[in-house]
Amino acid sequence: MSIEMNSKRIHAARISSIVLFFVGIGMASAAAGTTLYGGGSNLPAGAYVGWSWVSSGTRLVPDSAQTPVATLAPSSLFGTWAGTANAVQYCQTGSGRGKQVLIGDTTSSLTPTGLCRVFGTSPSGFQIPTLASSDLPDFVVSDAPLSDTEYGTFVTNNGAIKGEPIQFPIAVGSVALIYHNSDPALPSQLNLTTAQVCRVFSGVITNWNQIDSSFLPKPITVVYRSDGSGATFNLMNHLNAVCNAFIPSGSHFIVDQLFTKGVSGLPLSSLSTTKLAADGDPVVIAAVNVNDGAIGYGGAADLLNSGGSNARYAKVDNFDPVSDVPVTYGGLPRHRRV
């Protein structure tokens, strides 16, 4: 059976994320008593499985190396589907690793993330049991669509069992700019301009008093996702669209899931003392929280759920990534805290 994949590039005027849900053709006929195995993006995990699940772990059931985790929140997307008869395992690996597991790409060096192994010691993948779905995932959640190369790899590696992948948007969630500065001169919430955002992430602005001369001099540490990330993809997609007038002539942001590729050739790429790598949105938020002068990015819902006392999120051109995200966007529900 062949299902044609029809993906559509969506340009976000604001820094926002369309969450994509990739699924093998087997899911279409899922019946009562079905267990689905998958994972991926950190950004919408709360919407898919509930915040109690996110904060407790990622395993469906315990085994010799795991501990039990919270049950699916009934109001979450998967909780609504599962009810009392079905079950879901969701491994928070980030969009990039999630897609690599889905397509069967073992060429890159991947390490265990959270409570779900990625590749390596059996059980591999998303810790799918040996006899379940031929060890292949049923779905992956990603904030970035499959590239042509990734699509081809899936068909080559898993097409005989899973057919062709389909991808479609499920929910909308915003990517927020997160910062920490103890300077009392700062307002209760920063309101950055597009030009300032472009110059911070390109490395043109390196100190807080370049943002506003009333701020105390303090180096800016840019905290970025070190793993392949849909949050990075959406940030780079936005910066690529709006920053040409505000960064060095001849430079541009590259739309990629890896931050280091996106800033290639820009001043920030050569200023190692201004960068801090972190794996996953929760780790980015934690790093910003403990580094005075840091600016990073991540899911706004993740920040609200983290309870960080120092990390805050900024407006951009008066746009608030929490209160100004519409309840629905083109028919898609907003990613709320569940």
C-alpha atoms as a PDB file:
ATOM      1  CA  MET A   1       0.000   0.000   0.000  1.00  0.00           C
ATOM      2  CA  SER A   2       1.369   3.377  -0.951  1.00  0.00           C
ATOM      3  CA  ILE A   3       0.377   6.643   0.696  1.00  0.00           C
ATOM      4  CA  GLU A   4       1.596   9.847  -0.934  1.00  0.00           C
ATOM      5  CA  MET A   5       3.243  12.285   1.455  1.00  0.00           C
ATOM      6  CA  ASN A   6       1.970  15.802   0.935  1.00  0.00           C
ATOM      7  CA  SER A   7       3.885  18.337   3.026  1.00  0.00           C
ATOM      8  CA  LYS A   8       3.472  22.100   2.857  1.00  0.00           C
ATOM      9  CA  ARG A   9       6.081  24.648   3.905  1.00  0.00           C
ATOM     10  CA  ILE A  10       4.530  27.099   6.345  1.00  0.00           C
ATOM     11  CA  HIS A  11       6.236  30.449   6.858  1.00  0.00           C
ATOM     12  CA  ALA A  12       5.786  31.735  10.378  1.00  0.00           C
ATOM     13  CA  ALA A  13       5.546  35.505  10.553  1.00  0.00           C
ATOM     14  CA  ARG A  14       6.091  35.088  14.263  1.00  0.00           C
ATOM     15  CA  ILE A  15       8.439  32.630  15.918  1.00  0.00           C
ATOM     16  CA  SER A  16       6.058  29.706  16.080  1.00  0.00           C
ATOM     17  CA  SER A  17       6.038  25.982  15.524  1.00  0.00           C
ATOM     18  CA  ILE A  18       3.823  23.677  13.515  1.00  0.00           C
ATOM     19  CA  VAL A  19       4.144  20.255  15.107  1.00  0.00           C
ATOM     20  CA  LEU A  20       4.263  17.428  12.583  1.00  0.00           C
ATOM     21  CA  PHE A  21       3.177  13.902  13.377  1.00  0.00           C
ATOM     22  CA  PHE A  22       4.761  11.138  11.297  1.00  0.00           C
ATOM     23  CA  VAL A  23       3.114   7.746  11.413  1.00  0.00           C
ATOM     24  CA  GLY A  24       3.458   4.375   9.708  1.00  0.00           C
ATOM     25  CA  ILE A  25       0.429   3.157   7.747  1.00  0.00           C
ATOM     26  CA  GLY A  26      -0.296   0.569  10.446  1.00  0.00           C
ATOM     27  CA  MET A  27      -1.717   3.178  12.785  1.00  0.00           C
ATOM     28  CA  ALA A  28      -4.634   3.959  10.514  1.00  0.00           C
ATOM     29  CA  SER A  29      -6.240   0.646  11.476  1.00  0.00           C
ATOM     30  CA  ALA A  30      -5.373   0.829  15.182  1.00  0.00           C
ATOM     31  CA  ALA A  31      -8.088  -0.790  17.278  1.00  0.00           C
ATOM     32  CA  ALA A  32      -8.889  -1.144  20.971  1.00  0.00           C
ATOM     33  CA  GLY A  33      -6.030  -2.659  22.929  1.00  0.00           C
ATOM     34  CA  THR A  34      -3.387  -1.081  20.701  1.00  0.00           C
ATOM     35  CA  THR A  35      -0.023   0.077  22.044  1.00  0.00           C
ATOM     36  CA  LEU A  36       1.755   2.770  20.010  1.00  0.00           C
ATOM     37  CA  TYR A  37       5.510   3.363  20.299  1.00  0.00           C
ATOM     38  CA  GLY A  38       7.163   6.618  19.346  1.00  0.00           C
ATOM     39  CA  GLY A  39       8.528   9.940  20.532  1.00  0.00           C
ATOM     40  CA  GLY A  40      10.462  12.948  19.328  1.00  0.00           C
ATOM     41  CA  SER A  41      10.004  16.625  20.016  1.00  0.00           C
ATOM     42  CA  ASN A  42      10.320  18.072  23.516  1.00  0.00           C
ATOM     43  CA  LEU A  43       8.342  21.214  22.672  1.00  0.00           C
ATOM     44  CA  PRO A  44       4.822  19.677  22.446  1.00  0.00           C
ATOM     45  CA  ALA A  45       5.338  16.710  24.804  1.00  0.00           C
ATOM     46  CA  GLY A  46       3.065  18.202  27.460  1.00  0.00           C
ATOM     47  CA  ALA A  47       0.239  18.545  24.960  1.00  0.00           C
ATOM     48  CA  TYR A  48       0.652  14.964  23.736  1.00  0.00           C
ATOM     49  CA  VAL A  49       0.966  13.091  27.012  1.00  0.00           C
ATOM     50  CA  GLY A  50       0.455  15.607  29.858  1.00  0.00           C
ATOM     51  CA  TRP A  51       2.896  17.475  32.078  1.00  0.00           C
ATOM     52  CA  SER A  52       2.885  14.841  34.838  1.00  0.00           C
ATOM     53  CA  TRP A  53       4.187  12.325  32.292  1.00  0.00           C
ATOM     54  CA  VAL A  54       6.786  14.762  30.994  1.00  0.00           C
ATOM     55  CA  SER A  55       8.166  15.496  34.457  1.00  0.00           C
ATOM     56  CA  SER A  56       8.111  11.861  35.616  1.00  0.00           C
ATOM     57  CA  GLY A  57       9.600   9.974  32.685  1.00  0.00           C
ATOM     58  CA  THR A  58       8.958   8.586  29.260  1.00  0.00           C
ATOM     59  CA  ARG A  59       8.423   4.831  29.624  1.00  0.00           C
ATOM     60  CA  LEU A  60       5.094   3.119  29.167  1.00  0.00           C
ATOM     61  CA  VAL A  61       5.834   0.250  31.571  1.00  0.00           C
ATOM     62  CA  PRO A  62       8.757  -0.557  33.900  1.00  0.00           C
ATOM     63  CA  ASP A  63      11.394  -3.145  33.116  1.00  0.00           C
ATOM     64  CA  SER A  64      14.646  -4.147  34.779  1.00  0.00           C
ATOM     65  CA  ALA A  65      16.298  -0.836  33.888  1.00  0.00           C
ATOM     66  CA  GLN A  66      13.348   1.499  34.247  1.00  0.00           C
ATOM     67  CA  THR A  67      10.881   2.771  36.820  1.00  0.00           C
ATOM     68  CA  PRO A  68       7.131   3.320  36.374  1.00  0.00           C
ATOM     69  CA  VAL A  69       5.993   6.678  35.060  1.00  0.00           C
ATOM     70  CA  ALA A  70       2.848   8.720  35.427  1.00  0.00           C
ATOM     71  CA  THR A  71      -0.221   7.719  33.468  1.00  0.00           C
ATOM     72  CA  LEU A  72      -1.335   9.666  30.426  1.00  0.00           C
ATOM     73  CA  ALA A  73      -3.279  12.794  31.283  1.00  0.00           C
ATOM     74  CA  PRO A  74      -6.892  12.164  30.146  1.00  0.00           C
ATOM     75  CA  SER A  75      -7.042  15.662  28.624  1.00  0.00           C
ATOM     76  CA  SER A  76      -3.827  15.213  26.604  1.00  0.00           C
ATOM     77  CA  LEU A  77      -3.959  14.366  22.900  1.00  0.00           C
ATOM     78  CA  PHE A  78      -2.794  10.784  23.382  1.00  0.00           C
ATOM     79  CA  GLY A  79      -4.713  10.429  26.630  1.00  0.00           C
ATOM     80  CA  THR A  80      -7.950  11.257  24.826  1.00  0.00           C
ATOM     81  CA  TRP A  81      -7.193   8.602  22.207  1.00  0.00           C
ATOM     82  CA  ALA A  82      -5.966   5.931  24.604  1.00  0.00           C
ATOM     83  CA  GLY A  83      -8.844   5.998  27.069  1.00  0.00           C
ATOM     84  CA  THR A  84      -8.689   2.878  29.236  1.00  0.00           C
ATOM     85  CA  ALA A  85      -8.046   0.319  26.489  1.00  0.00           C
ATOM     86  CA  ASN A  86      -5.007   1.628  24.607  1.00  0.00           C
ATOM     87  CA  ALA A  87      -1.500   2.706  25.587  1.00  0.00           C
ATOM     88  CA  VAL A  88       1.252   4.971  24.257  1.00  0.00           C
ATOM     89  CA  GLN A  89       4.990   5.193  24.846  1.00  0.00           C
ATOM     90  CA  TYR A  90       6.431   8.649  24.143  1.00  0.00           C
ATOM     91  CA  CYS A  91      10.215   9.139  24.334  1.00  0.00           C
ATOM     92  CA  GLN A  92      11.412  12.730  24.488  1.00  0.00           C
ATOM     93  CA  THR A  93      14.451  12.586  22.224  1.00  0.00           C
ATOM     94  CA  GLY A  94      14.125  15.896  20.368  1.00  0.00           C
ATOM     95  CA  SER A  95      12.886  16.251  16.800  1.00  0.00           C
ATOM     96  CA  GLY A  96      16.183  15.382  15.124  1.00  0.00           C
ATOM     97  CA  ARG A  97      16.830  12.143  17.012  1.00  0.00           C
ATOM     98  CA  GLY A  98      13.176  11.212  16.738  1.00  0.00           C
ATOM     99  CA  LYS A  99      13.232  11.437  12.972  1.00  0.00           C
ATOM    100  CA  GLN A 100      16.471   9.445  12.830  1.00  0.00           C
ATOM    101  CA  VAL A 101      14.830   6.622  14.775  1.00  0.00           C
ATOM    102  CA  LEU A 102      11.764   6.758  12.517  1.00  0.00           C
ATOM    103  CA  ILE A 103      13.716   6.543   9.272  1.00  0.00           C
ATOM    104  CA  GLY A 104      16.221   3.980  10.580  1.00  0.00           C
ATOM    105  CA  ASP A 105      19.266   6.217  10.196  1.00  0.00           C
ATOM    106  CA  THR A 106      22.052   4.792  12.371  1.00  0.00           C
ATOM    107  CA  THR A 107      24.893   6.608  10.597  1.00  0.00           C
ATOM    108  CA  SER A 108      25.055   9.441  13.114  1.00  0.00           C
ATOM    109  CA  SER A 109      26.307   9.115  16.667  1.00  0.00           C
ATOM    110  CA  LEU A 110      23.264   9.094  18.940  1.00  0.00           C
ATOM    111  CA  THR A 111      23.242   8.698  22.698  1.00  0.00           C
ATOM    112  CA  PRO A 112      20.545   7.624  25.167  1.00  0.00           C
ATOM    113  CA  THR A 113      18.188  10.444  26.076  1.00  0.00           C
ATOM    114  CA  GLY A 114      16.004  10.517  29.170  1.00  0.00           C
ATOM    115  CA  LEU A 115      14.581   7.112  29.996  1.00  0.00           C
ATOM    116  CA  CYS A 116      14.484   5.928  26.385  1.00  0.00           C
ATOM    117  CA  ARG A 117      17.509   4.579  24.582  1.00  0.00           C
ATOM    118  CA  VAL A 118      17.907   5.797  21.028  1.00  0.00           C
ATOM    119  CA  PHE A 119      20.311   3.329  19.442  1.00  0.00           C
ATOM    120  CA  GLY A 120      22.653   0.826  21.005  1.00  0.00           C
ATOM    121  CA  THR A 121      22.015  -1.837  23.590  1.00  0.00           C
ATOM    122  CA  SER A 122      18.785  -3.776  23.040  1.00  0.00           C
ATOM    123  CA  PRO A 123      16.011  -2.736  23.245  1.00  0.00           C
ATOM    124  CA  SER A 124      16.953  -0.008  20.810  1.00  0.00           C
ATOM    125  CA  GLY A 125      15.088   2.732  19.007  1.00  0.00           C
ATOM    126  CA  PHE A 126      12.519   4.109  21.432  1.00  0.00           C
ATOM    127  CA  GLN A 127      12.976   1.017  23.630  1.00  0.00           C
ATOM    128  CA  ILE A 128      10.357  -0.778  21.606  1.00  0.00           C
ATOM    129  CA  PRO A 129       9.971  -4.395  22.761  1.00  0.00           C
ATOM    130  CA  THR A 130      11.562  -6.897  20.386  1.00  0.00           C
ATOM    131  CA  LEU A 131       8.265  -8.345  19.185  1.00  0.00           C
ATOM    132  CA  ALA A 132       6.395  -5.055  18.821  1.00  0.00           C
ATOM    133  CA  SER A 133       5.978  -3.700  15.288  1.00  0.00           C
ATOM    134  CA  SER A 134       9.222  -5.356  14.174  1.00  0.00           C
ATOM    135  CA  ASP A 135      11.088  -2.917  16.449  1.00  0.00           C
ATOM    136  CA  LEU A 136       9.946   0.024  14.306  1.00  0.00           C
ATOM    137  CA  PRO A 137       8.197   3.104  15.746  1.00  0.00           C
ATOM    138  CA  ASP A 138       4.585   3.888  14.929  1.00  0.00           C
ATOM    139  CA  PHE A 139       5.001   7.652  15.029  1.00  0.00           C
ATOM    140  CA  VAL A 140       7.374  10.531  15.568  1.00  0.00           C
ATOM    141  CA  VAL A 141       6.524  14.078  16.614  1.00  0.00           C
ATOM    142  CA  SER A 142       8.728  16.728  15.043  1.00  0.00           C
ATOM    143  CA  ASP A 143       8.636  20.506  14.650  1.00  0.00           C
ATOM    144  CA  ALA A 144      10.407  20.179  11.282  1.00  0.00           C
ATOM    145  CA  PRO A 145       9.150  18.209   8.277  1.00  0.00           C
ATOM    146  CA  LEU A 146      11.014  15.307   6.728  1.00  0.00           C
ATOM    147  CA  SER A 147      13.584  16.415   4.188  1.00  0.00           C
ATOM    148  CA  ASP A 148      13.743  14.680   0.810  1.00  0.00           C
ATOM    149  CA  THR A 149      16.812  12.792   2.026  1.00  0.00           C
ATOM    150  CA  GLU A 150      15.105  11.670   5.245  1.00  0.00           C
ATOM    151  CA  TYR A 151      12.044  10.583   3.307  1.00  0.00           C
ATOM    152  CA  GLY A 152      14.201   8.524   0.949  1.00  0.00           C
ATOM    153  CA  THR A 153      16.051   6.922   3.861  1.00  0.00           C
ATOM    154  CA  PHE A 154      12.763   5.908   5.482  1.00  0.00           C
ATOM    155  CA  VAL A 155      11.506   4.290   2.298  1.00  0.00           C
ATOM    156  CA  THR A 156      14.828   2.464   1.795  1.00  0.00           C
ATOM    157  CA  ASN A 157      15.140   1.216   5.370  1.00  0.00           C
ATOM    158  CA  ASN A 158      11.560   0.714   6.505  1.00  0.00           C
ATOM    159  CA  GLY A 159       9.337   1.077   3.459  1.00  0.00           C
ATOM    160  CA  ALA A 160       8.897  -2.668   2.949  1.00  0.00           C
ATOM    161  CA  ILE A 161       7.282  -2.972   6.394  1.00  0.00           C
ATOM    162  CA  LYS A 162       5.736   0.444   6.994  1.00  0.00           C
ATOM    163  CA  GLY A 163       4.972   1.669   3.479  1.00  0.00           C
ATOM    164  CA  GLU A 164       5.491   5.392   2.919  1.00  0.00           C
ATOM    165  CA  PRO A 165       5.311   7.896   5.771  1.00  0.00           C
ATOM    166  CA  ILE A 166       2.553  10.443   6.023  1.00  0.00           C
ATOM    167  CA  GLN A 167       2.950  13.725   7.865  1.00  0.00           C
ATOM    168  CA  PHE A 168       0.371  16.231   8.969  1.00  0.00           C
ATOM    169  CA  PRO A 169       0.129  19.112  11.465  1.00  0.00           C
ATOM    170  CA  ILE A 170      -1.498  18.460  14.829  1.00  0.00           C
ATOM    171  CA  ALA A 171      -0.920  21.426  17.143  1.00  0.00           C
ATOM    172  CA  VAL A 172       0.640  24.873  17.237  1.00  0.00           C
ATOM    173  CA  GLY A 173       3.131  25.913  19.891  1.00  0.00           C
ATOM    174  CA  SER A 174       5.320  28.982  20.172  1.00  0.00           C
ATOM    175  CA  VAL A 175       9.103  29.162  20.429  1.00  0.00           C
ATOM    176  CA  ALA A 176       9.975  31.766  23.049  1.00  0.00           C
ATOM    177  CA  LEU A 177      13.152  33.784  23.544  1.00  0.00           C
ATOM    178  CA  ILE A 178      14.249  33.035  27.112  1.00  0.00           C
ATOM    179  CA  TYR A 179      16.579  35.240  29.121  1.00  0.00           C
ATOM    180  CA  HIS A 180      18.112  35.794  32.570  1.00  0.00           C
ATOM    181  CA  ASN A 181      19.582  39.100  33.704  1.00  0.00           C
ATOM    182  CA  SER A 182      19.657  40.193  37.350  1.00  0.00           C
ATOM    183  CA  ASP A 183      20.241  43.854  36.386  1.00  0.00           C
ATOM    184  CA  PRO A 184      17.541  45.877  38.233  1.00  0.00           C
ATOM    185  CA  ALA A 185      17.401  48.291  35.282  1.00  0.00           C
ATOM    186  CA  LEU A 186      15.621  45.655  33.175  1.00  0.00           C
ATOM    187  CA  PRO A 187      11.834  45.933  32.867  1.00  0.00           C
ATOM    188  CA  SER A 188       9.651  43.124  34.186  1.00  0.00           C
ATOM    189  CA  GLN A 189       9.526  41.725  30.639  1.00  0.00           C
ATOM    190  CA  LEU A 190      11.891  42.511  27.791  1.00  0.00           C
ATOM    191  CA  ASN A 191      10.365  43.755  24.562  1.00  0.00           C
ATOM    192  CA  LEU A 192      12.984  43.130  21.899  1.00  0.00           C
ATOM    193  CA  THR A 193      12.859  44.320  18.309  1.00  0.00           C
ATOM    194  CA  THR A 194      13.382  42.033  15.352  1.00  0.00           C
ATOM    195  CA  ALA A 195      16.663  43.825  14.655  1.00  0.00           C
ATOM    196  CA  GLN A 196      17.916  43.124  18.195  1.00  0.00           C
ATOM    197  CA  VAL A 197      16.968  39.451  17.985  1.00  0.00           C
ATOM    198  CA  CYS A 198      18.774  39.105  14.659  1.00  0.00           C
ATOM    199  CA  ARG A 199      21.898  40.798  15.997  1.00  0.00           C
ATOM    200  CA  VAL A 200      22.006  38.738  19.205  1.00  0.00           C
ATOM    201  CA  PHE A 201      21.770  35.405  17.392  1.00  0.00           C
ATOM    202  CA  SER A 202      24.183  36.464  14.669  1.00  0.00           C
ATOM    203  CA  GLY A 203      26.771  37.671  17.196  1.00  0.00           C
ATOM    204  CA  VAL A 204      26.625  41.363  16.241  1.00  0.00           C
ATOM    205  CA  ILE A 205      25.244  42.254  19.685  1.00  0.00           C
ATOM    206  CA  THR A 206      27.359  40.634  22.410  1.00  0.00           C
ATOM    207  CA  ASN A 207      26.598  42.748  25.501  1.00  0.00           C
ATOM    208  CA  TRP A 208      23.394  43.716  27.270  1.00  0.00           C
ATOM    209  CA  ASN A 209      24.177  47.441  27.148  1.00  0.00           C
ATOM    210  CA  GLN A 210      24.108  47.164  23.351  1.00  0.00           C
ATOM    211  CA  ILE A 211      20.440  46.252  23.670  1.00  0.00           C
ATOM    212  CA  ASP A 212      19.779  49.271  25.883  1.00  0.00           C
ATOM    213  CA  SER A 213      22.397  51.744  27.087  1.00  0.00           C
ATOM    214  CA  SER A 214      20.644  51.953  30.473  1.00  0.00           C
ATOM    215  CA  PHE A 215      21.468  48.284  31.149  1.00  0.00           C
ATOM    216  CA  LEU A 216      24.666  47.448  33.006  1.00  0.00           C
ATOM    217  CA  PRO A 217      27.479  46.069  30.840  1.00  0.00           C
ATOM    218  CA  LYS A 218      27.179  42.282  30.919  1.00  0.00           C
ATOM    219  CA  PRO A 219      28.270  39.737  28.271  1.00  0.00           C
ATOM    220  CA  ILE A 220      25.456  37.866  26.561  1.00  0.00           C
ATOM    221  CA  THR A 221      25.716  34.073  26.615  1.00  0.00           C
ATOM    222  CA  VAL A 222      23.651  32.519  23.827  1.00  0.00           C
ATOM    223  CA  VAL A 223      22.245  29.163  24.968  1.00  0.00           C
ATOM    224  CA  TYR A 224      21.338  26.947  22.024  1.00  0.00           C
ATOM    225  CA  ARG A 225      20.155  23.413  21.313  1.00  0.00           C
ATOM    226  CA  SER A 226      23.107  21.119  20.674  1.00  0.00           C
ATOM    227  CA  ASP A 227      20.904  18.338  19.255  1.00  0.00           C
ATOM    228  CA  GLY A 228      18.886  18.331  16.067  1.00  0.00           C
ATOM    229  CA  SER A 229      15.880  20.366  17.113  1.00  0.00           C
ATOM    230  CA  GLY A 230      12.594  21.501  15.655  1.00  0.00           C
ATOM    231  CA  ALA A 231      12.763  24.560  17.899  1.00  0.00           C
ATOM    232  CA  THR A 232      16.065  25.454  16.220  1.00  0.00           C
ATOM    233  CA  PHE A 233      14.562  24.770  12.791  1.00  0.00           C
ATOM    234  CA  ASN A 234      11.680  27.156  13.439  1.00  0.00           C
ATOM    235  CA  LEU A 235      13.914  29.837  14.946  1.00  0.00           C
ATOM    236  CA  MET A 236      16.287  29.649  11.970  1.00  0.00           C
ATOM    237  CA  ASN A 237      13.380  29.675   9.536  1.00  0.00           C
ATOM    238  CA  HIS A 238      12.169  32.907  11.121  1.00  0.00           C
ATOM    239  CA  LEU A 239      15.616  34.536  11.314  1.00  0.00           C
ATOM    240  CA  ASN A 240      16.346  33.567   7.715  1.00  0.00           C
ATOM    241  CA  ALA A 241      13.177  35.373   6.641  1.00  0.00           C
ATOM    242  CA  VAL A 242      13.543  38.608   8.623  1.00  0.00           C
ATOM    243  CA  CYS A 243      17.225  39.271   9.361  1.00  0.00           C
ATOM    244  CA  ASN A 244      18.992  40.145   6.107  1.00  0.00           C
ATOM    245  CA  ALA A 245      18.802  43.894   6.751  1.00  0.00           C
ATOM    246  CA  PHE A 246      20.209  43.626  10.277  1.00  0.00           C
ATOM    247  CA  ILE A 247      23.273  41.380  10.006  1.00  0.00           C
ATOM    248  CA  PRO A 248      26.632  41.713   8.184  1.00  0.00           C
ATOM    249  CA  SER A 249      26.366  42.136   4.433  1.00  0.00           C
ATOM    250  CA  GLY A 250      26.546  38.865   2.567  1.00  0.00           C
ATOM    251  CA  SER A 251      25.616  36.811   5.649  1.00  0.00           C
ATOM    252  CA  HIS A 252      22.397  34.950   6.277  1.00  0.00           C
ATOM    253  CA  PHE A 253      20.898  32.391   8.635  1.00  0.00           C
ATOM    254  CA  ILE A 254      20.649  28.859   7.274  1.00  0.00           C
ATOM    255  CA  VAL A 255      17.427  26.968   7.923  1.00  0.00           C
ATOM    256  CA  ASP A 256      18.565  23.821   9.694  1.00  0.00           C
ATOM    257  CA  GLN A 257      17.778  21.695  12.747  1.00  0.00           C
ATOM    258  CA  LEU A 258      21.345  22.182  13.997  1.00  0.00           C
ATOM    259  CA  PHE A 259      22.080  25.619  15.424  1.00  0.00           C
ATOM    260  CA  THR A 260      25.770  25.418  14.524  1.00  0.00           C
ATOM    261  CA  LYS A 261      24.863  25.036  10.849  1.00  0.00           C
ATOM    262  CA  GLY A 262      22.353  27.875  11.017  1.00  0.00           C
ATOM    263  CA  VAL A 263      24.908  30.456  12.209  1.00  0.00           C
ATOM    264  CA  SER A 264      27.721  29.197   9.990  1.00  0.00           C
ATOM    265  CA  GLY A 265      29.744  32.134   8.661  1.00  0.00           C
ATOM    266  CA  LEU A 266      28.206  34.622  11.086  1.00  0.00           C
ATOM    267  CA  PRO A 267      30.190  36.362  13.870  1.00  0.00           C
ATOM    268  CA  LEU A 268      28.572  34.232  16.576  1.00  0.00           C
ATOM    269  CA  SER A 269      30.117  31.060  15.152  1.00  0.00           C
ATOM    270  CA  SER A 270      33.620  32.266  16.047  1.00  0.00           C
ATOM    271  CA  LEU A 271      32.864  33.606  19.527  1.00  0.00           C
ATOM    272  CA  SER A 272      33.024  30.416  21.578  1.00  0.00           C
ATOM    273  CA  THR A 273      32.921  32.243  24.926  1.00  0.00           C
ATOM    274  CA  THR A 274      29.443  33.602  24.139  1.00  0.00           C
ATOM    275  CA  LYS A 275      27.799  30.238  23.422  1.00  0.00           C
ATOM    276  CA  LEU A 276      26.544  27.446  25.624  1.00  0.00           C
ATOM    277  CA  ALA A 277      25.206  24.174  24.196  1.00  0.00           C
ATOM    278  CA  ALA A 278      22.317  22.343  25.864  1.00  0.00           C
ATOM    279  CA  ASP A 279      20.526  19.127  24.860  1.00  0.00           C
ATOM    280  CA  GLY A 280      16.745  19.541  24.830  1.00  0.00           C
ATOM    281  CA  ASP A 281      14.406  22.408  25.722  1.00  0.00           C
ATOM    282  CA  PRO A 282      14.343  21.619  29.474  1.00  0.00           C
ATOM    283  CA  VAL A 283      18.155  21.733  29.610  1.00  0.00           C
ATOM    284  CA  VAL A 284      18.237  25.026  27.663  1.00  0.00           C
ATOM    285  CA  ILE A 285      15.783  26.518  30.162  1.00  0.00           C
ATOM    286  CA  ALA A 286      17.826  25.205  33.104  1.00  0.00           C
ATOM    287  CA  ALA A 287      21.042  26.630  31.608  1.00  0.00           C
ATOM    288  CA  VAL A 288      19.480  30.066  31.116  1.00  0.00           C
ATOM    289  CA  ASN A 289      18.107  29.920  34.645  1.00  0.00           C
ATOM    290  CA  VAL A 290      21.579  29.559  36.213  1.00  0.00           C
ATOM    291  CA  ASN A 291      23.588  31.786  33.850  1.00  0.00           C
ATOM    292  CA  ASP A 292      23.164  35.484  34.537  1.00  0.00           C
ATOM    293  CA  GLY A 293      23.265  37.262  31.169  1.00  0.00           C
ATOM    294  CA  ALA A 294      22.022  34.299  29.133  1.00  0.00           C
ATOM    295  CA  ILE A 295      19.604  34.406  26.205  1.00  0.00           C
ATOM    296  CA  GLY A 296      18.231  31.206  24.707  1.00  0.00           C
ATOM    297  CA  TYR A 297      15.124  29.787  23.067  1.00  0.00           C
ATOM    298  CA  GLY A 298      12.677  26.960  23.642  1.00  0.00           C
ATOM    299  CA  GLY A 299       9.045  26.017  23.896  1.00  0.00           C
ATOM    300  CA  ALA A 300       7.049  28.654  25.753  1.00  0.00           C
ATOM    301  CA  ALA A 301       4.898  25.959  27.361  1.00  0.00           C
ATOM    302  CA  ASP A 302       8.030  24.160  28.582  1.00  0.00           C
ATOM    303  CA  LEU A 303       9.238  27.371  30.231  1.00  0.00           C
ATOM    304  CA  LEU A 304       5.893  27.956  31.947  1.00  0.00           C
ATOM    305  CA  ASN A 305       5.913  24.384  33.227  1.00  0.00           C
ATOM    306  CA  SER A 306       9.530  24.508  34.425  1.00  0.00           C
ATOM    307  CA  GLY A 307       8.922  26.819  37.353  1.00  0.00           C
ATOM    308  CA  GLY A 308      12.312  28.470  36.820  1.00  0.00           C
ATOM    309  CA  SER A 309      12.709  31.475  39.093  1.00  0.00           C
ATOM    310  CA  ASN A 310      15.233  33.381  36.957  1.00  0.00           C
ATOM    311  CA  ALA A 311      14.423  32.483  33.360  1.00  0.00           C
ATOM    312  CA  ARG A 312      11.817  34.705  31.698  1.00  0.00           C
ATOM    313  CA  TYR A 313      10.550  35.050  28.163  1.00  0.00           C
ATOM    314  CA  ALA A 314      10.656  38.182  26.019  1.00  0.00           C
ATOM    315  CA  LYS A 315       8.186  39.824  23.720  1.00  0.00           C
ATOM    316  CA  VAL A 316       9.337  40.517  20.163  1.00  0.00           C
ATOM    317  CA  ASP A 317       7.954  43.664  18.536  1.00  0.00           C
ATOM    318  CA  ASN A 318       5.253  43.678  21.238  1.00  0.00           C
ATOM    319  CA  PHE A 319       4.232  40.097  20.347  1.00  0.00           C
ATOM    320  CA  ASP A 320       3.875  37.848  23.412  1.00  0.00           C
ATOM    321  CA  PRO A 321       4.597  34.172  22.543  1.00  0.00           C
ATOM    322  CA  VAL A 322       2.148  33.011  25.214  1.00  0.00           C
ATOM    323  CA  SER A 323      -0.823  35.366  25.341  1.00  0.00           C
ATOM    324  CA  ASP A 324      -0.760  36.371  21.658  1.00  0.00           C
ATOM    325  CA  VAL A 325      -0.725  32.858  20.191  1.00  0.00           C
ATOM    326  CA  PRO A 326      -4.270  32.236  18.927  1.00  0.00           C
ATOM    327  CA  VAL A 327      -6.345  29.446  20.473  1.00  0.00           C
ATOM    328  CA  THR A 328      -6.547  27.909  16.999  1.00  0.00           C
ATOM    329  CA  TYR A 329      -4.459  28.500  13.878  1.00  0.00           C
ATOM    330  CA  GLY A 330      -5.898  27.309  10.587  1.00  0.00           C
ATOM    331  CA  GLY A 331      -8.033  24.846  12.530  1.00  0.00           C
ATOM    332  CA  LEU A 332      -5.150  23.511  14.651  1.00  0.00           C
ATOM    333  CA  PRO A 333      -5.404  23.663  18.457  1.00  0.00           C
ATOM    334  CA  ARG A 334      -2.867  25.738  20.359  1.00  0.00           C
ATOM    335  CA  HIS A 335      -0.349  23.863  22.480  1.00  0.00           C
ATOM    336  CA  ARG A 336      -1.491  24.710  25.996  1.00  0.00           C
ATOM    337  CA  ARG A 337      -0.249  23.422  29.312  1.00  0.00           C
ATOM    338  CA  VAL A 338      -2.194  20.203  29.879  1.00  0.00           C
END
